[in-house]
Amino acid sequence: MKLRAGRHMNSRTLPIENADLVQPPAQTSLISRCMRWLAAHPGRTCAIGMALVAALQLLAYWPGLMQVDATLQYDQAISGQFDDWHPPLLAWLWRQFLPIWPGPAPMLLLQAALYWGGFAILIAWACREKRTELAFAILACALMPISVARLGSILKDCLMAGALLMAAALIAWTWHRKHAGLRLLAAMLIVFAAATRANAFMAGAPLLVMLLPEACRRTRVRLVAAAVAATCALALVIPASNKLLDARASDPFLSLIIFDMGGITANSGANAFPAMPVTDPVAANRQCYTPRQWDGYGWWAAPLCPINFDRVRAAFPASGQSPAQAWIAAIEAHPVAYAEHRLAHFNLSVRFLSLWTIRQPLWNSSRTHYLEYQKAPDLLLSAFNFAGSRNAQWPLGWPIVAMAMAAGVILLGRHLRSRVIAVPLAMSCLFYGGGYLLVGVAAELRYHMWTTMAGMIAGALAAADIATSSAIPRRQIFRAAAPLIIILVLAIVARLLVVPGGFIDTV
């Protein structure tokens, strides 16, 4: 009888102090079921997130923002007459789309397909390896606001980054599996990327080496030889495409020579330019030179610099030296001035101790004479650009931080589970980003789109490996983290102490 009474009491009554422990199912069922589903299906969760952002991004920037460079390439696509100021292969490719779909939309879709497709394959690879944390880390890299916002503009930087990303994803997907077709496609994408920028071969070489037979990488000597061969082969892609497409010579390399001569003249006080009808070249150079970019010497500069592109080009034949000879002679005569110039520019380019306000490359509208393809700013586009601009003001948007991550990944390389793809990405980041120390002519962040993407992905892979492995020596982890810590401390301290108010850099 007592047992029945107890059961009867428990089934009909509940102590007041325990009443809050029981929740009505209807209040939490939807949220809890959604959270459980998301946790149980990381691949689908990432796919839904990426698809939503990709759709909104395309809607925000449709049909694609066209600026001066894109407009010039579209002009050549229409005319079929190419020059080599910009890689002619892109104008040729654009020309193939014209009968099907004129305007910037096909190029925007191609950029987006390579970018989102590459990240989708990387996430699928992580899910196939049953690495949920890695899938979400790669998703975070895909949703970097600065990259997503820049993807809305028709730029060779976006196309190059997308092609390299897709190639890296295919390398990861086919590792330990026999997919000759996919690996051939990855190699073709790397070659295509090398044709999009004159310096893109530095980014593609580490990835191309990973596609070579394992025997080519078995020893250190063979690995170095393979790297040199891959670099040389990719460096020939631009000259070969120029020749095949009969591109008119426009002396694009002269922009670097003029920029370096301007920097040498500004820092040494001695004229490094060939003889020109300019009264005081040193004083005239001070009006045109800035370590930010070479544009002050362009034919479009207003007011026109007395030492401008056309005048310098015309002066070389009478000087008895080729532009390359005069450039090397100027560097040899004033190595310190040259180093000051290059370091000042590189510092601004990678946003290390960068204290200047840099011109905004996240355009809010098109600037093109094709009125039918004008894109005016709207609320959605402005929201993406706002997020991208804020991203660029903080460490995850600074190329130097991505390069520091890449250095740490290389130091930790042999201990990483994902080293097959993490190390090549890190080396690609450092080779390409570091190359701007010698060849950079403008400090816009768009030039470092791949630098930032490759470094962040490599860092995400390494972080996921560290988090899921207890076999990596703690001392090696601290050693690998040192470059990132040092770079962050110096960059943040410079901004906080030298510039009152903290982080004021814009994109």
Protein backbone atom coordinates (compact mmCIF):
# COMPACT_ATOMS: atom_id res chain seq x y z
CA MET A 1 0.00 0.00 0.00
CA LYS A 2 2.84 2.43 0.75
CA LEU A 3 4.50 1.65 -2.56
CA ARG A 4 1.24 2.34 -4.39
CA ALA A 5 0.81 5.58 -2.53
CA GLY A 6 4.31 6.70 -3.42
CA ARG A 7 3.80 5.90 -7.06
CA HIS A 8 0.47 7.63 -7.01
CA MET A 9 2.00 10.75 -5.48
CA ASN A 10 4.92 10.88 -7.98
CA SER A 11 2.63 10.49 -10.94
CA ARG A 12 0.13 13.15 -9.88
CA THR A 13 2.26 15.72 -7.98
CA LEU A 14 5.67 17.45 -8.39
CA PRO A 15 7.65 19.29 -5.74
CA ILE A 16 7.59 23.04 -6.29
CA GLU A 17 11.40 23.38 -6.16
CA ASN A 18 11.83 20.99 -9.14
CA ALA A 19 9.16 22.51 -11.38
CA ASP A 20 11.68 24.60 -13.36
CA LEU A 21 13.58 21.47 -14.42
CA VAL A 22 10.84 20.37 -16.78
CA GLN A 23 10.45 22.32 -20.02
CA PRO A 24 7.49 22.05 -22.33
CA PRO A 25 8.70 20.22 -25.45
CA ALA A 26 7.17 22.79 -27.80
CA GLN A 27 9.44 25.60 -26.47
CA THR A 28 12.76 23.99 -27.36
CA SER A 29 12.02 21.35 -29.96
CA LEU A 30 12.65 23.47 -33.08
CA ILE A 31 15.88 25.11 -31.87
CA SER A 32 17.30 21.94 -30.35
CA ARG A 33 16.49 19.87 -33.42
CA CYS A 34 18.12 22.44 -35.71
CA MET A 35 21.26 22.55 -33.57
CA ARG A 36 21.47 18.77 -33.42
CA TRP A 37 21.02 18.54 -37.19
CA LEU A 38 23.73 21.14 -37.85
CA ALA A 39 26.17 19.34 -35.57
CA ALA A 40 25.39 15.98 -37.13
CA HIS A 41 25.72 17.21 -40.73
CA PRO A 42 28.76 19.51 -40.94
CA GLY A 43 29.07 19.13 -44.71
CA ARG A 44 25.50 20.18 -45.35
CA THR A 45 25.78 22.98 -42.81
CA CYS A 46 28.83 24.39 -44.56
CA ALA A 47 27.16 23.96 -47.95
CA ILE A 48 24.07 25.84 -46.85
CA GLY A 49 26.15 28.65 -45.34
CA MET A 50 28.33 29.04 -48.42
CA ALA A 51 25.41 28.83 -50.83
CA LEU A 52 23.54 31.55 -48.95
CA VAL A 53 26.52 33.93 -48.84
CA ALA A 54 27.43 33.18 -52.47
CA ALA A 55 23.89 33.94 -53.64
CA LEU A 56 23.76 37.19 -51.68
CA GLN A 57 27.22 38.18 -52.92
CA LEU A 58 26.28 37.62 -56.57
CA LEU A 59 23.03 39.53 -56.05
CA ALA A 60 24.89 42.41 -54.40
CA TYR A 61 27.49 42.89 -57.14
CA TRP A 62 25.60 41.68 -60.24
CA PRO A 63 26.61 41.84 -63.08
CA GLY A 64 30.09 42.60 -61.68
CA LEU A 65 31.91 45.85 -60.98
CA MET A 66 34.05 47.08 -63.86
CA GLN A 67 36.83 49.57 -63.23
CA VAL A 68 39.55 50.95 -65.51
CA ASP A 69 41.54 47.71 -65.87
CA ALA A 70 38.48 45.57 -66.55
CA THR A 71 37.16 48.14 -69.03
CA LEU A 72 40.44 48.13 -70.97
CA GLN A 73 40.40 44.34 -71.11
CA TYR A 74 36.77 44.34 -72.26
CA ASP A 75 37.66 46.84 -74.99
CA GLN A 76 40.29 44.39 -76.24
CA ALA A 77 37.89 41.46 -75.94
CA ILE A 78 35.48 43.27 -78.25
CA SER A 79 38.12 44.42 -80.75
CA GLY A 80 40.20 41.25 -80.75
CA GLN A 81 43.35 43.41 -80.65
CA PHE A 82 45.41 42.61 -77.55
CA ASP A 83 48.37 44.26 -75.86
CA ASP A 84 50.54 42.96 -73.03
CA TRP A 85 49.92 45.67 -70.43
CA HIS A 86 47.40 43.26 -68.94
CA PRO A 87 47.72 39.50 -69.60
CA PRO A 88 46.07 39.05 -73.01
CA LEU A 89 44.75 35.59 -72.19
CA LEU A 90 42.03 37.11 -70.00
CA ALA A 91 40.86 39.42 -72.77
CA TRP A 92 40.91 36.46 -75.16
CA LEU A 93 38.89 34.34 -72.72
CA TRP A 94 36.39 37.17 -72.26
CA ARG A 95 36.07 37.39 -76.04
CA GLN A 96 34.95 33.74 -76.16
CA PHE A 97 31.99 34.58 -73.92
CA LEU A 98 30.77 37.53 -76.01
CA PRO A 99 28.61 35.56 -78.48
CA ILE A 100 26.94 33.76 -75.59
CA TRP A 101 26.68 36.47 -72.95
CA PRO A 102 28.23 39.92 -73.42
CA GLY A 103 29.23 42.05 -70.47
CA PRO A 104 30.97 41.29 -67.16
CA ALA A 105 28.52 38.66 -65.88
CA PRO A 106 30.34 35.58 -67.33
CA MET A 107 33.62 36.64 -65.74
CA LEU A 108 31.88 37.28 -62.43
CA LEU A 109 30.33 33.82 -62.55
CA LEU A 110 33.68 32.23 -63.46
CA GLN A 111 35.42 33.91 -60.54
CA ALA A 112 32.65 32.89 -58.16
CA ALA A 113 32.58 29.29 -59.45
CA LEU A 114 36.31 28.84 -58.91
CA TYR A 115 36.25 30.48 -55.48
CA TRP A 116 33.20 28.80 -53.96
CA GLY A 117 33.84 25.55 -55.81
CA GLY A 118 37.40 25.36 -54.50
CA PHE A 119 36.28 25.88 -50.92
CA ALA A 120 33.43 23.38 -51.36
CA ILE A 121 35.89 20.68 -52.45
CA LEU A 122 38.21 21.43 -49.53
CA ILE A 123 35.29 21.17 -47.10
CA ALA A 124 34.12 17.92 -48.74
CA TRP A 125 37.66 16.57 -48.38
CA ALA A 126 37.65 17.47 -44.66
CA CYS A 127 34.28 15.79 -44.19
CA ARG A 128 35.48 12.70 -46.07
CA GLU A 129 38.37 12.53 -43.61
CA LYS A 130 35.78 12.85 -40.79
CA ARG A 131 37.32 16.12 -39.59
CA THR A 132 34.39 18.31 -38.61
CA GLU A 133 36.51 20.98 -36.95
CA LEU A 134 38.61 21.35 -40.09
CA ALA A 135 35.51 21.70 -42.27
CA PHE A 136 34.28 24.63 -40.19
CA ALA A 137 37.76 26.20 -40.13
CA ILE A 138 37.85 26.12 -43.94
CA LEU A 139 34.33 27.57 -44.02
CA ALA A 140 35.57 30.49 -41.91
CA CYS A 141 38.32 31.13 -44.49
CA ALA A 142 35.74 31.04 -47.30
CA LEU A 143 33.59 33.65 -45.56
CA MET A 144 36.40 36.16 -44.98
CA PRO A 145 34.58 39.45 -45.70
CA ILE A 146 37.48 41.10 -47.55
CA SER A 147 37.74 38.19 -50.01
CA VAL A 148 34.00 37.87 -50.52
CA ALA A 149 33.61 41.60 -51.15
CA ARG A 150 36.52 41.78 -53.57
CA LEU A 151 35.08 38.84 -55.51
CA GLY A 152 32.37 41.18 -56.79
CA SER A 153 34.83 43.10 -59.00
CA ILE A 154 36.15 41.80 -62.31
CA LEU A 155 39.84 41.45 -61.45
CA LYS A 156 42.68 39.24 -62.59
CA ASP A 157 43.59 38.91 -58.89
CA CYS A 158 40.24 37.20 -58.20
CA LEU A 159 40.57 34.90 -61.18
CA MET A 160 44.13 33.95 -60.26
CA ALA A 161 43.19 33.26 -56.63
CA GLY A 162 40.18 31.20 -57.67
CA ALA A 163 42.17 29.07 -60.10
CA LEU A 164 44.92 28.39 -57.54
CA LEU A 165 42.35 27.61 -54.84
CA MET A 166 40.58 25.12 -57.08
CA ALA A 167 43.91 23.51 -57.99
CA ALA A 168 44.85 23.19 -54.31
CA ALA A 169 41.45 21.67 -53.52
CA LEU A 170 41.85 19.09 -56.30
CA ILE A 171 45.32 18.19 -55.02
CA ALA A 172 43.90 17.57 -51.54
CA TRP A 173 40.93 15.59 -52.90
CA THR A 174 43.04 13.30 -55.08
CA TRP A 175 45.86 12.67 -52.63
CA HIS A 176 46.25 8.91 -52.02
CA ARG A 177 43.71 8.31 -54.78
CA LYS A 178 44.17 7.68 -58.49
CA HIS A 179 42.39 10.50 -60.29
CA ALA A 180 44.64 11.30 -63.23
CA GLY A 181 41.98 13.45 -64.87
CA LEU A 182 41.44 15.65 -61.83
CA ARG A 183 45.17 16.03 -61.25
CA LEU A 184 45.62 17.04 -64.89
CA LEU A 185 42.84 19.59 -64.41
CA ALA A 186 44.68 20.93 -61.33
CA ALA A 187 47.86 21.35 -63.40
CA MET A 188 45.92 23.16 -66.11
CA LEU A 189 44.42 25.52 -63.54
CA ILE A 190 47.89 26.35 -62.21
CA VAL A 191 49.10 27.11 -65.73
CA PHE A 192 46.01 29.23 -66.30
CA ALA A 193 46.69 31.13 -63.06
CA ALA A 194 50.26 31.75 -64.21
CA ALA A 195 48.82 33.43 -67.32
CA THR A 196 46.75 35.90 -65.29
CA ARG A 197 49.61 37.89 -63.71
CA ALA A 198 53.27 38.34 -64.60
CA ASN A 199 54.32 37.31 -61.08
CA ALA A 200 51.75 34.52 -60.58
CA PHE A 201 54.35 31.85 -61.35
CA MET A 202 55.71 32.37 -57.83
CA ALA A 203 52.35 31.38 -56.37
CA GLY A 204 51.80 28.40 -58.64
CA ALA A 205 55.19 26.70 -58.43
CA PRO A 206 54.78 25.09 -54.95
CA LEU A 207 51.41 23.63 -55.96
CA LEU A 208 52.71 22.37 -59.29
CA VAL A 209 55.55 20.55 -57.52
CA MET A 210 52.98 18.57 -55.53
CA LEU A 211 51.50 17.28 -58.79
CA LEU A 212 54.80 15.86 -59.98
CA PRO A 213 55.57 12.15 -59.42
CA GLU A 214 56.66 11.32 -55.90
CA ALA A 215 60.10 10.32 -57.19
CA CYS A 216 60.73 13.99 -58.04
CA ARG A 217 60.33 14.95 -54.37
CA ARG A 218 61.98 11.97 -52.67
CA THR A 219 65.24 13.73 -51.75
CA ARG A 220 66.00 17.35 -50.96
CA VAL A 221 68.10 17.75 -54.09
CA ARG A 222 65.33 16.39 -56.28
CA LEU A 223 62.78 18.60 -54.55
CA VAL A 224 64.84 21.74 -55.16
CA ALA A 225 65.39 20.74 -58.78
CA ALA A 226 61.67 20.14 -59.23
CA ALA A 227 60.85 23.51 -57.68
CA VAL A 228 63.29 25.32 -59.98
CA ALA A 229 61.94 23.51 -63.03
CA ALA A 230 58.31 24.25 -62.09
CA THR A 231 59.11 27.92 -61.46
CA CYS A 232 60.90 28.33 -64.78
CA ALA A 233 58.16 26.54 -66.69
CA LEU A 234 55.42 28.72 -65.19
CA ALA A 235 57.48 31.90 -65.74
CA LEU A 236 57.37 31.17 -69.47
CA VAL A 237 53.57 31.07 -69.59
CA ILE A 238 53.08 34.85 -69.93
CA PRO A 239 55.67 35.31 -72.73
CA ALA A 240 54.24 32.28 -74.53
CA SER A 241 50.64 33.54 -74.30
CA ASN A 242 51.72 37.00 -75.47
CA LYS A 243 53.35 35.40 -78.49
CA LEU A 244 50.46 33.07 -79.29
CA LEU A 245 47.89 35.88 -79.10
CA ASP A 246 50.11 38.33 -80.99
CA ALA A 247 49.85 40.89 -78.18
CA ARG A 248 51.25 44.34 -78.94
CA ALA A 249 54.24 45.29 -76.76
CA SER A 250 53.39 48.08 -74.30
CA ASP A 251 56.40 47.89 -71.93
CA PRO A 252 54.53 47.00 -68.70
CA PHE A 253 57.85 46.20 -66.99
CA LEU A 254 58.81 49.85 -67.46
CA SER A 255 56.36 50.81 -64.71
CA LEU A 256 58.50 48.92 -62.18
CA ILE A 257 61.70 50.46 -63.53
CA ILE A 258 60.30 54.00 -63.35
CA PHE A 259 58.96 53.40 -59.84
CA ASP A 260 62.31 52.10 -58.61
CA MET A 261 64.22 54.93 -60.27
CA GLY A 262 61.86 57.40 -58.63
CA GLY A 263 62.46 55.80 -55.23
CA ILE A 264 66.23 55.80 -55.71
CA THR A 265 66.15 59.46 -56.78
CA ALA A 266 63.96 60.44 -53.82
CA ASN A 267 66.09 58.63 -51.22
CA SER A 268 69.56 59.36 -52.60
CA GLY A 269 69.09 62.91 -53.86
CA ALA A 270 70.80 61.90 -57.12
CA ASN A 271 68.98 61.59 -60.44
CA ALA A 272 68.60 57.96 -61.52
CA PHE A 273 66.54 58.65 -64.65
CA PRO A 274 67.92 58.91 -68.19
CA ALA A 275 68.52 62.42 -69.52
CA MET A 276 65.24 64.21 -70.24
CA PRO A 277 64.21 67.82 -70.95
CA VAL A 278 63.48 68.43 -67.27
CA THR A 279 65.23 71.35 -65.51
CA ASP A 280 65.67 69.73 -62.11
CA PRO A 281 64.81 66.00 -62.19
CA VAL A 282 65.37 65.55 -58.43
CA ALA A 283 62.96 68.37 -57.56
CA ALA A 284 60.46 67.24 -60.21
CA ASN A 285 60.58 63.69 -58.82
CA ARG A 286 59.64 64.91 -55.36
CA GLN A 287 56.33 66.12 -56.77
CA CYS A 288 55.50 62.71 -58.26
CA TYR A 289 57.03 60.01 -56.05
CA THR A 290 55.27 58.25 -53.22
CA PRO A 291 56.20 54.80 -51.85
CA ARG A 292 52.54 53.81 -52.10
CA GLN A 293 52.39 53.36 -55.86
CA TRP A 294 53.94 54.24 -59.20
CA ASP A 295 50.79 55.95 -60.57
CA GLY A 296 52.23 59.43 -60.11
CA TYR A 297 54.33 58.78 -63.22
CA GLY A 298 51.45 57.46 -65.33
CA TRP A 299 50.09 59.15 -68.42
CA TRP A 300 46.77 59.51 -66.58
CA ALA A 301 48.21 61.41 -63.59
CA ALA A 302 46.76 64.86 -63.01
CA PRO A 303 48.68 67.06 -63.12
CA LEU A 304 51.02 65.20 -65.46
CA CYS A 305 54.41 64.57 -63.87
CA PRO A 306 57.37 66.09 -65.79
CA ILE A 307 58.96 62.65 -65.39
CA ASN A 308 56.18 60.52 -66.88
CA PHE A 309 55.95 57.12 -68.52
CA ASP A 310 55.99 58.34 -72.13
CA ARG A 311 58.86 60.77 -71.57
CA VAL A 312 61.02 58.19 -69.79
CA ARG A 313 60.35 55.57 -72.46
CA ALA A 314 61.32 58.03 -75.18
CA ALA A 315 64.53 58.99 -73.33
CA PHE A 316 66.04 55.49 -73.17
CA PRO A 317 67.03 55.08 -76.85
CA ALA A 318 69.25 58.19 -76.65
CA SER A 319 70.82 57.11 -73.34
CA GLY A 320 72.76 54.22 -74.85
CA GLN A 321 71.27 51.81 -72.29
CA SER A 322 68.23 49.61 -72.31
CA PRO A 323 65.70 50.19 -69.52
CA ALA A 324 66.84 46.98 -67.78
CA GLN A 325 70.52 47.98 -67.97
CA ALA A 326 69.81 51.46 -66.61
CA TRP A 327 67.66 49.99 -63.84
CA ILE A 328 70.37 47.57 -62.70
CA ALA A 329 73.01 50.30 -62.89
CA ALA A 330 70.89 52.60 -60.70
CA ILE A 331 70.44 49.87 -58.10
CA GLU A 332 74.17 49.10 -58.08
CA ALA A 333 75.04 52.79 -57.69
CA HIS A 334 72.55 53.42 -54.85
CA PRO A 335 71.78 50.12 -53.09
CA VAL A 336 70.80 51.76 -49.78
CA ALA A 337 68.37 54.17 -51.43
CA TYR A 338 66.88 51.29 -53.41
CA ALA A 339 66.47 49.19 -50.25
CA GLU A 340 64.77 52.10 -48.43
CA HIS A 341 62.36 52.54 -51.31
CA ARG A 342 61.48 48.84 -51.63
CA LEU A 343 61.09 48.30 -47.87
CA ALA A 344 58.88 51.39 -47.51
CA HIS A 345 56.62 50.19 -50.30
CA PHE A 346 56.50 46.59 -49.08
CA ASN A 347 55.65 47.76 -45.56
CA LEU A 348 52.63 49.61 -46.92
CA SER A 349 51.68 46.79 -49.27
CA VAL A 350 51.50 44.08 -46.61
CA ARG A 351 50.16 46.43 -43.90
CA PHE A 352 52.99 45.70 -41.47
CA LEU A 353 53.95 48.98 -39.81
CA SER A 354 51.56 50.69 -42.19
CA LEU A 355 50.41 53.99 -40.75
CA TRP A 356 49.09 55.65 -43.89
CA THR A 357 45.54 55.65 -45.11
CA ILE A 358 45.51 53.49 -48.24
CA ARG A 359 43.12 54.06 -51.13
CA GLN A 360 39.93 51.99 -50.96
CA PRO A 361 39.87 49.12 -53.52
CA LEU A 362 36.44 47.81 -52.51
CA TRP A 363 34.58 49.87 -55.07
CA ASN A 364 30.98 50.81 -54.40
CA SER A 365 30.11 51.29 -58.07
CA SER A 366 31.41 50.67 -61.57
CA ARG A 367 33.66 53.14 -63.36
CA THR A 368 33.32 52.28 -67.02
CA HIS A 369 32.13 53.90 -70.24
CA TYR A 370 29.83 50.92 -70.87
CA LEU A 371 26.68 52.49 -69.44
CA GLU A 372 24.64 49.30 -69.83
CA TYR A 373 26.95 47.55 -67.35
CA GLN A 374 27.04 50.27 -64.73
CA LYS A 375 26.44 49.09 -61.19
CA ALA A 376 25.23 51.66 -58.68
CA PRO A 377 25.67 51.21 -54.91
CA ASP A 378 22.80 49.72 -52.95
CA LEU A 379 22.19 48.56 -49.41
CA LEU A 380 23.34 44.94 -49.91
CA LEU A 381 26.53 45.91 -51.75
CA SER A 382 27.32 48.53 -49.11
CA ALA A 383 26.85 45.92 -46.37
CA PHE A 384 29.37 43.55 -47.99
CA ASN A 385 31.83 46.40 -48.54
CA PHE A 386 31.43 47.61 -44.97
CA ALA A 387 32.24 44.14 -43.62
CA GLY A 388 35.21 43.84 -45.99
CA SER A 389 36.57 47.24 -44.99
CA ARG A 390 36.35 46.42 -41.30
CA ASN A 391 38.04 43.08 -41.96
CA ALA A 392 40.91 44.90 -43.69
CA GLN A 393 41.44 47.20 -40.71
CA TRP A 394 42.17 44.34 -38.33
CA PRO A 395 44.93 41.71 -38.25
CA LEU A 396 43.12 38.99 -40.22
CA GLY A 397 43.00 41.40 -43.14
CA TRP A 398 46.72 42.24 -43.15
CA PRO A 399 48.78 40.22 -45.64
CA ILE A 400 51.77 40.27 -43.28
CA VAL A 401 49.72 38.29 -40.73
CA ALA A 402 48.86 35.65 -43.32
CA MET A 403 52.55 35.45 -44.25
CA ALA A 404 53.50 35.03 -40.58
CA MET A 405 50.99 32.17 -40.31
CA ALA A 406 52.49 30.60 -43.41
CA ALA A 407 55.99 30.80 -41.91
CA GLY A 408 54.74 29.00 -38.80
CA VAL A 409 53.11 26.27 -40.90
CA ILE A 410 56.41 25.64 -42.71
CA LEU A 411 58.28 25.44 -39.40
CA LEU A 412 55.75 22.90 -38.14
CA GLY A 413 55.39 21.13 -41.48
CA ARG A 414 56.63 17.60 -40.84
CA HIS A 415 54.46 17.29 -37.70
CA LEU A 416 51.19 18.17 -39.45
CA ARG A 417 48.65 15.63 -40.58
CA SER A 418 47.57 17.96 -43.42
CA ARG A 419 51.11 18.86 -44.49
CA VAL A 420 50.53 17.57 -48.03
CA ILE A 421 48.38 20.61 -48.78
CA ALA A 422 49.16 22.97 -45.86
CA VAL A 423 52.88 23.30 -46.61
CA PRO A 424 52.51 23.98 -50.38
CA LEU A 425 49.85 26.59 -49.61
CA ALA A 426 52.13 28.22 -47.02
CA MET A 427 55.04 28.30 -49.44
CA SER A 428 52.79 29.70 -52.17
CA CYS A 429 51.71 32.44 -49.77
CA LEU A 430 55.29 33.37 -48.85
CA PHE A 431 56.73 33.17 -52.37
CA TYR A 432 53.95 35.21 -53.93
CA GLY A 433 53.51 37.73 -51.11
CA GLY A 434 57.24 38.08 -50.57
CA GLY A 435 57.77 38.63 -54.27
CA TYR A 436 56.13 42.03 -53.97
CA LEU A 437 59.18 43.15 -52.01
CA LEU A 438 60.94 43.30 -55.40
CA VAL A 439 58.18 43.75 -57.98
CA GLY A 440 55.38 45.63 -56.23
CA VAL A 441 54.28 48.92 -57.81
CA ALA A 442 51.05 49.61 -55.88
CA ALA A 443 49.94 49.06 -52.29
CA GLU A 444 46.32 48.04 -52.88
CA LEU A 445 45.20 44.98 -50.94
CA ARG A 446 43.74 43.36 -54.05
CA TYR A 447 47.26 42.39 -55.11
CA HIS A 448 47.48 40.24 -51.99
CA MET A 449 44.16 38.41 -52.32
CA TRP A 450 45.94 35.09 -52.85
CA THR A 451 48.58 35.89 -50.21
CA THR A 452 45.87 36.29 -47.59
CA MET A 453 43.74 33.35 -48.76
CA ALA A 454 46.64 30.88 -48.98
CA GLY A 455 48.10 31.90 -45.62
CA MET A 456 44.75 31.73 -43.83
CA ILE A 457 43.85 28.32 -45.27
CA ALA A 458 47.28 26.93 -44.39
CA GLY A 459 46.91 28.37 -40.88
CA ALA A 460 43.44 26.84 -40.50
CA LEU A 461 44.74 23.43 -41.57
CA ALA A 462 47.62 23.65 -39.09
CA ALA A 463 45.39 24.83 -36.25
CA ALA A 464 42.97 21.94 -36.81
CA ASP A 465 45.87 19.47 -36.86
CA ILE A 466 47.27 20.87 -33.61
CA ALA A 467 43.86 20.79 -31.91
CA THR A 468 43.32 17.10 -32.74
CA SER A 469 46.81 15.74 -32.13
CA SER A 470 48.72 15.28 -28.90
CA ALA A 471 51.82 14.02 -30.70
CA ILE A 472 53.06 17.44 -31.81
CA PRO A 473 55.75 18.63 -29.37
CA ARG A 474 54.67 21.71 -27.44
CA ARG A 475 58.06 23.28 -28.02
CA GLN A 476 57.55 23.00 -31.79
CA ILE A 477 54.14 24.64 -31.50
CA PHE A 478 55.60 27.62 -29.61
CA ARG A 479 58.40 27.88 -32.14
CA ALA A 480 55.92 27.88 -35.03
CA ALA A 481 53.78 30.51 -33.32
CA ALA A 482 56.74 32.88 -32.81
CA PRO A 483 56.58 34.60 -36.26
CA LEU A 484 52.89 35.34 -35.85
CA ILE A 485 53.30 36.64 -32.30
CA ILE A 486 56.24 38.88 -33.21
CA ILE A 487 54.50 40.31 -36.28
CA LEU A 488 51.27 40.97 -34.39
CA VAL A 489 53.01 42.66 -31.47
CA LEU A 490 55.09 44.95 -33.69
CA ALA A 491 52.19 45.84 -35.99
CA ILE A 492 49.71 46.54 -33.20
CA VAL A 493 52.18 48.48 -31.06
CA ALA A 494 53.11 50.65 -34.05
CA ARG A 495 49.48 51.51 -34.66
CA LEU A 496 48.64 52.15 -31.02
CA LEU A 497 51.72 54.20 -30.14
CA VAL A 498 52.44 56.08 -33.34
CA VAL A 499 48.84 56.70 -34.36
CA PRO A 500 46.58 57.98 -31.55
CA GLY A 501 43.25 56.21 -31.53
CA GLY A 502 44.46 52.82 -32.64
CA PHE A 503 43.63 51.07 -35.89
CA ILE A 504 42.99 53.71 -38.54
CA ASP A 505 44.20 51.88 -41.65
CA THR A 506 41.60 51.57 -44.36
CA VAL A 507 41.71 49.11 -47.20
